[in-house]
Amino acid sequence: MATARIIELAMLLLAAACSAPAVQGTVEGADYDLPDALLVNADDASSSTLLISNNAGLCAEGQSGSYLQNTDFAEVALAQVDSAGTLSAPAVPGVYQIGNANPAPGDLLAAAEVAAVANCEFGRGCAATSGMVELDAISTGSGGPHHLSGFMDLGFESGESMSGPFDAELCGGHFALTIQFCPR
């Protein structure tokens, strides 16, 4: 009996140690728990997008052009403003601000939207109105960043929020997600 309890306790501790940290929150009354992150760079190197979702296969789906179904996600665009006022993909750690209406050279910018895709339809969608994305670590290569990690804290007009850590690797190659709308 004692051996069974020790094994049960060990299994619980192992499960807790193996669970990934997640971006979590409530937006428009819906709860989100998003443990998986990937990174996609714009073809023109003007920005990078973090896709944080509950879908561990999102990179493969985007590379194959599959229809996206039953996925909750946060889409976070990141860019920095160079000395000429041009946007470029993030290249430095720092705090990227949501909602900067008048960016100046040197500013680090972020824009975010949270959405849900159900079977054959685009569900909830809501843009963040405040907050930040803090990049703690960034590794770059040709075409922009290849790895980003940090913490985000997003605020929404409703007063709701979403926050948590992320660790994203580049999802290379062509990436396009398609939402399939079923005929009624």
C-alpha atoms as a PDB file:
ATOM      1  CA  MET A   1       0.000   0.000   0.000  1.00  0.00           C
ATOM      2  CA  ALA A   2       2.802   2.432   0.915  1.00  0.00           C
ATOM      3  CA  THR A   3       4.691   1.500  -2.258  1.00  0.00           C
ATOM      4  CA  ALA A   4       1.617   2.310  -4.384  1.00  0.00           C
ATOM      5  CA  ARG A   5       1.313   5.752  -2.756  1.00  0.00           C
ATOM      6  CA  ILE A   6       5.008   6.476  -3.302  1.00  0.00           C
ATOM      7  CA  ILE A   7       4.683   5.540  -6.976  1.00  0.00           C
ATOM      8  CA  GLU A   8       1.528   7.674  -7.281  1.00  0.00           C
ATOM      9  CA  LEU A   9       3.302  10.649  -5.680  1.00  0.00           C
ATOM     10  CA  ALA A  10       6.335  10.167  -7.960  1.00  0.00           C
ATOM     11  CA  MET A  11       4.072  10.123 -11.032  1.00  0.00           C
ATOM     12  CA  LEU A  12       2.356  13.357  -9.939  1.00  0.00           C
ATOM     13  CA  LEU A  13       5.706  15.081  -9.370  1.00  0.00           C
ATOM     14  CA  LEU A  14       6.979  13.883 -12.749  1.00  0.00           C
ATOM     15  CA  ALA A  15       3.847  15.146 -14.507  1.00  0.00           C
ATOM     16  CA  ALA A  16       4.230  18.547 -12.848  1.00  0.00           C
ATOM     17  CA  ALA A  17       7.905  18.734 -13.845  1.00  0.00           C
ATOM     18  CA  CYS A  18       7.143  17.830 -17.468  1.00  0.00           C
ATOM     19  CA  SER A  19       4.271  20.241 -18.015  1.00  0.00           C
ATOM     20  CA  ALA A  20       5.341  23.205 -20.088  1.00  0.00           C
ATOM     21  CA  PRO A  21       4.806  26.739 -18.837  1.00  0.00           C
ATOM     22  CA  ALA A  22       2.036  28.401 -20.755  1.00  0.00           C
ATOM     23  CA  VAL A  23       0.644  31.763 -21.717  1.00  0.00           C
ATOM     24  CA  GLN A  24      -2.713  31.851 -19.945  1.00  0.00           C
ATOM     25  CA  GLY A  25      -5.620  34.209 -19.458  1.00  0.00           C
ATOM     26  CA  THR A  26      -9.227  35.051 -20.093  1.00  0.00           C
ATOM     27  CA  VAL A  27     -10.328  37.069 -23.129  1.00  0.00           C
ATOM     28  CA  GLU A  28     -13.975  37.820 -23.955  1.00  0.00           C
ATOM     29  CA  GLY A  29     -14.990  35.403 -21.206  1.00  0.00           C
ATOM     30  CA  ALA A  30     -13.066  32.475 -22.733  1.00  0.00           C
ATOM     31  CA  ASP A  31     -10.176  30.834 -20.888  1.00  0.00           C
ATOM     32  CA  TYR A  32      -6.937  30.272 -22.815  1.00  0.00           C
ATOM     33  CA  ASP A  33      -4.053  27.929 -21.966  1.00  0.00           C
ATOM     34  CA  LEU A  34      -1.396  28.172 -24.701  1.00  0.00           C
ATOM     35  CA  PRO A  35       1.744  26.075 -24.042  1.00  0.00           C
ATOM     36  CA  ASP A  36       3.214  25.855 -27.582  1.00  0.00           C
ATOM     37  CA  ALA A  37       5.064  28.641 -29.385  1.00  0.00           C
ATOM     38  CA  LEU A  38       6.641  29.053 -32.792  1.00  0.00           C
ATOM     39  CA  LEU A  39       8.265  31.905 -34.687  1.00  0.00           C
ATOM     40  CA  VAL A  40       7.620  33.026 -38.278  1.00  0.00           C
ATOM     41  CA  ASN A  41       9.617  35.802 -39.965  1.00  0.00           C
ATOM     42  CA  ALA A  42       8.191  38.104 -42.633  1.00  0.00           C
ATOM     43  CA  ASP A  43       9.634  37.489 -46.104  1.00  0.00           C
ATOM     44  CA  ASP A  44      10.861  41.087 -46.259  1.00  0.00           C
ATOM     45  CA  ALA A  45      12.437  40.907 -42.736  1.00  0.00           C
ATOM     46  CA  SER A  46      10.206  43.777 -41.556  1.00  0.00           C
ATOM     47  CA  SER A  47       8.823  41.856 -38.561  1.00  0.00           C
ATOM     48  CA  SER A  48       8.561  38.530 -36.798  1.00  0.00           C
ATOM     49  CA  THR A  49       5.401  36.859 -35.551  1.00  0.00           C
ATOM     50  CA  LEU A  50       5.072  34.677 -32.500  1.00  0.00           C
ATOM     51  CA  LEU A  51       2.247  32.158 -32.730  1.00  0.00           C
ATOM     52  CA  ILE A  52       1.449  30.800 -29.287  1.00  0.00           C
ATOM     53  CA  SER A  53      -1.182  28.086 -29.332  1.00  0.00           C
ATOM     54  CA  ASN A  54      -2.686  24.936 -27.894  1.00  0.00           C
ATOM     55  CA  ASN A  55      -1.650  23.079 -31.078  1.00  0.00           C
ATOM     56  CA  ALA A  56       1.752  21.371 -30.911  1.00  0.00           C
ATOM     57  CA  GLY A  57       1.544  20.620 -34.661  1.00  0.00           C
ATOM     58  CA  LEU A  58       1.008  24.206 -35.794  1.00  0.00           C
ATOM     59  CA  CYS A  59       4.373  24.528 -37.579  1.00  0.00           C
ATOM     60  CA  ALA A  60       3.801  21.389 -39.656  1.00  0.00           C
ATOM     61  CA  GLU A  61       0.235  22.481 -40.455  1.00  0.00           C
ATOM     62  CA  GLY A  62       1.451  25.898 -41.608  1.00  0.00           C
ATOM     63  CA  GLN A  63       4.247  24.421 -43.736  1.00  0.00           C
ATOM     64  CA  SER A  64       1.852  22.010 -45.459  1.00  0.00           C
ATOM     65  CA  GLY A  65      -0.887  24.606 -45.987  1.00  0.00           C
ATOM     66  CA  SER A  66      -3.381  22.536 -43.973  1.00  0.00           C
ATOM     67  CA  TYR A  67      -6.686  23.903 -42.818  1.00  0.00           C
ATOM     68  CA  LEU A  68      -6.458  25.158 -39.256  1.00  0.00           C
ATOM     69  CA  GLN A  69      -9.106  23.657 -37.003  1.00  0.00           C
ATOM     70  CA  ASN A  70      -9.834  23.519 -33.277  1.00  0.00           C
ATOM     71  CA  THR A  71      -6.973  25.792 -32.249  1.00  0.00           C
ATOM     72  CA  ASP A  72      -6.755  28.682 -29.809  1.00  0.00           C
ATOM     73  CA  PHE A  73      -3.855  31.044 -30.415  1.00  0.00           C
ATOM     74  CA  ALA A  74      -2.242  34.389 -29.717  1.00  0.00           C
ATOM     75  CA  GLU A  75      -0.594  36.048 -32.701  1.00  0.00           C
ATOM     76  CA  VAL A  76       2.043  38.570 -31.660  1.00  0.00           C
ATOM     77  CA  ALA A  77       3.857  40.727 -34.242  1.00  0.00           C
ATOM     78  CA  LEU A  78       7.220  42.162 -33.144  1.00  0.00           C
ATOM     79  CA  ALA A  79       9.343  44.823 -34.831  1.00  0.00           C
ATOM     80  CA  GLN A  80      11.883  47.490 -34.064  1.00  0.00           C
ATOM     81  CA  VAL A  81      12.197  50.921 -35.650  1.00  0.00           C
ATOM     82  CA  ASP A  82      15.611  51.685 -37.144  1.00  0.00           C
ATOM     83  CA  SER A  83      17.254  55.124 -37.404  1.00  0.00           C
ATOM     84  CA  ALA A  84      15.532  55.758 -40.765  1.00  0.00           C
ATOM     85  CA  GLY A  85      12.112  54.991 -39.277  1.00  0.00           C
ATOM     86  CA  THR A  86      11.849  51.648 -41.091  1.00  0.00           C
ATOM     87  CA  LEU A  87      10.481  48.538 -39.388  1.00  0.00           C
ATOM     88  CA  SER A  88      12.719  45.503 -39.067  1.00  0.00           C
ATOM     89  CA  ALA A  89      12.494  42.136 -37.348  1.00  0.00           C
ATOM     90  CA  PRO A  90      13.513  42.132 -33.676  1.00  0.00           C
ATOM     91  CA  ALA A  91      17.264  41.777 -33.170  1.00  0.00           C
ATOM     92  CA  VAL A  92      17.732  42.850 -29.550  1.00  0.00           C
ATOM     93  CA  PRO A  93      16.337  41.760 -26.195  1.00  0.00           C
ATOM     94  CA  GLY A  94      14.089  44.306 -24.540  1.00  0.00           C
ATOM     95  CA  VAL A  95      10.518  45.343 -23.849  1.00  0.00           C
ATOM     96  CA  TYR A  96       8.349  45.542 -26.988  1.00  0.00           C
ATOM     97  CA  GLN A  97       5.327  47.772 -26.232  1.00  0.00           C
ATOM     98  CA  ILE A  98       1.739  47.188 -27.365  1.00  0.00           C
ATOM     99  CA  GLY A  99      -0.181  50.241 -28.546  1.00  0.00           C
ATOM    100  CA  ASN A 100       2.580  52.702 -29.469  1.00  0.00           C
ATOM    101  CA  ALA A 101       0.691  54.991 -31.873  1.00  0.00           C
ATOM    102  CA  ASN A 102       3.679  57.234 -32.660  1.00  0.00           C
ATOM    103  CA  PRO A 103       6.785  55.063 -33.020  1.00  0.00           C
ATOM    104  CA  ALA A 104      10.183  56.738 -33.164  1.00  0.00           C
ATOM    105  CA  PRO A 105      13.600  55.396 -34.165  1.00  0.00           C
ATOM    106  CA  GLY A 106      14.822  52.924 -31.547  1.00  0.00           C
ATOM    107  CA  ASP A 107      11.319  51.945 -30.387  1.00  0.00           C
ATOM    108  CA  LEU A 108      10.491  48.281 -29.901  1.00  0.00           C
ATOM    109  CA  LEU A 109       6.924  47.530 -31.043  1.00  0.00           C
ATOM    110  CA  ALA A 110       4.404  44.750 -30.535  1.00  0.00           C
ATOM    111  CA  ALA A 111       0.840  44.117 -31.663  1.00  0.00           C
ATOM    112  CA  ALA A 112      -1.210  41.123 -30.537  1.00  0.00           C
ATOM    113  CA  GLU A 113      -4.492  39.397 -31.226  1.00  0.00           C
ATOM    114  CA  VAL A 114      -6.028  36.389 -29.521  1.00  0.00           C
ATOM    115  CA  ALA A 115      -8.333  34.140 -31.511  1.00  0.00           C
ATOM    116  CA  ALA A 116      -9.990  30.742 -31.629  1.00  0.00           C
ATOM    117  CA  VAL A 117     -10.671  28.611 -34.678  1.00  0.00           C
ATOM    118  CA  ALA A 118     -13.336  25.951 -34.270  1.00  0.00           C
ATOM    119  CA  ASN A 119     -14.277  23.304 -36.765  1.00  0.00           C
ATOM    120  CA  CYS A 120     -14.911  25.245 -40.022  1.00  0.00           C
ATOM    121  CA  GLU A 121     -15.237  28.697 -38.518  1.00  0.00           C
ATOM    122  CA  PHE A 122     -13.226  31.541 -37.082  1.00  0.00           C
ATOM    123  CA  GLY A 123     -14.476  32.146 -33.567  1.00  0.00           C
ATOM    124  CA  ARG A 124     -13.476  34.733 -31.044  1.00  0.00           C
ATOM    125  CA  GLY A 125     -10.914  37.334 -32.008  1.00  0.00           C
ATOM    126  CA  CYS A 126      -9.746  40.252 -29.915  1.00  0.00           C
ATOM    127  CA  ALA A 127      -6.798  42.665 -30.245  1.00  0.00           C
ATOM    128  CA  ALA A 128      -4.689  43.577 -27.230  1.00  0.00           C
ATOM    129  CA  THR A 129      -4.900  47.276 -26.368  1.00  0.00           C
ATOM    130  CA  SER A 130      -2.060  47.444 -23.843  1.00  0.00           C
ATOM    131  CA  GLY A 131       0.822  45.490 -22.431  1.00  0.00           C
ATOM    132  CA  MET A 132       4.231  44.315 -23.466  1.00  0.00           C
ATOM    133  CA  VAL A 133       6.342  41.459 -24.712  1.00  0.00           C
ATOM    134  CA  GLU A 134       9.716  41.178 -23.014  1.00  0.00           C
ATOM    135  CA  LEU A 135      12.340  39.343 -25.040  1.00  0.00           C
ATOM    136  CA  ASP A 136      14.937  37.907 -22.658  1.00  0.00           C
ATOM    137  CA  ALA A 137      16.878  35.910 -25.232  1.00  0.00           C
ATOM    138  CA  ILE A 138      17.108  36.204 -28.982  1.00  0.00           C
ATOM    139  CA  SER A 139      19.292  34.453 -31.533  1.00  0.00           C
ATOM    140  CA  THR A 140      19.396  35.761 -35.068  1.00  0.00           C
ATOM    141  CA  GLY A 141      20.521  34.492 -38.435  1.00  0.00           C
ATOM    142  CA  SER A 142      19.837  35.270 -42.053  1.00  0.00           C
ATOM    143  CA  GLY A 143      16.227  36.352 -42.494  1.00  0.00           C
ATOM    144  CA  GLY A 144      15.727  37.432 -38.869  1.00  0.00           C
ATOM    145  CA  PRO A 145      15.490  35.767 -35.484  1.00  0.00           C
ATOM    146  CA  HIS A 146      15.706  31.989 -35.166  1.00  0.00           C
ATOM    147  CA  HIS A 147      14.806  31.759 -31.485  1.00  0.00           C
ATOM    148  CA  LEU A 148      12.971  34.032 -29.036  1.00  0.00           C
ATOM    149  CA  SER A 149      12.170  33.530 -25.386  1.00  0.00           C
ATOM    150  CA  GLY A 150      10.628  35.802 -22.826  1.00  0.00           C
ATOM    151  CA  PHE A 151       7.409  36.817 -21.139  1.00  0.00           C
ATOM    152  CA  MET A 152       4.269  38.563 -22.345  1.00  0.00           C
ATOM    153  CA  ASP A 153       1.587  40.477 -20.505  1.00  0.00           C
ATOM    154  CA  LEU A 154      -1.337  41.532 -22.715  1.00  0.00           C
ATOM    155  CA  GLY A 155      -4.286  43.735 -21.715  1.00  0.00           C
ATOM    156  CA  PHE A 156      -7.644  43.966 -23.476  1.00  0.00           C
ATOM    157  CA  GLU A 157     -10.302  46.672 -23.622  1.00  0.00           C
ATOM    158  CA  SER A 158     -12.610  44.534 -21.468  1.00  0.00           C
ATOM    159  CA  GLY A 159     -10.088  44.649 -18.602  1.00  0.00           C
ATOM    160  CA  GLU A 160      -9.203  40.984 -19.128  1.00  0.00           C
ATOM    161  CA  SER A 161      -5.608  39.863 -19.570  1.00  0.00           C
ATOM    162  CA  MET A 162      -3.316  37.113 -20.766  1.00  0.00           C
ATOM    163  CA  SER A 163       0.259  36.535 -19.622  1.00  0.00           C
ATOM    164  CA  GLY A 164       3.012  33.991 -19.330  1.00  0.00           C
ATOM    165  CA  PRO A 165       6.375  32.801 -20.577  1.00  0.00           C
ATOM    166  CA  PHE A 166       7.156  31.598 -24.097  1.00  0.00           C
ATOM    167  CA  ASP A 167      10.040  29.897 -25.868  1.00  0.00           C
ATOM    168  CA  ALA A 168       9.770  29.877 -29.666  1.00  0.00           C
ATOM    169  CA  GLU A 169      11.897  28.318 -32.406  1.00  0.00           C
ATOM    170  CA  LEU A 170      11.758  29.413 -36.043  1.00  0.00           C
ATOM    171  CA  CYS A 171       9.278  27.503 -38.190  1.00  0.00           C
ATOM    172  CA  GLY A 172      11.242  27.747 -41.422  1.00  0.00           C
ATOM    173  CA  GLY A 173      10.139  27.475 -45.017  1.00  0.00           C
ATOM    174  CA  HIS A 174       6.871  28.675 -46.468  1.00  0.00           C
ATOM    175  CA  PHE A 175       4.257  29.114 -43.736  1.00  0.00           C
ATOM    176  CA  ALA A 176       0.565  29.767 -44.385  1.00  0.00           C
ATOM    177  CA  LEU A 177      -2.452  28.834 -42.306  1.00  0.00           C
ATOM    178  CA  THR A 178      -5.845  28.548 -43.920  1.00  0.00           C
ATOM    179  CA  ILE A 179      -9.160  28.670 -42.122  1.00  0.00           C
ATOM    180  CA  GLN A 180     -11.796  26.555 -43.818  1.00  0.00           C
ATOM    181  CA  PHE A 181     -15.331  27.915 -43.826  1.00  0.00           C
ATOM    182  CA  CYS A 182     -17.868  25.132 -44.296  1.00  0.00           C
ATOM    183  CA  PRO A 183     -20.965  25.677 -46.457  1.00  0.00           C
ATOM    184  CA  ARG A 184     -24.182  26.034 -44.496  1.00  0.00           C
END
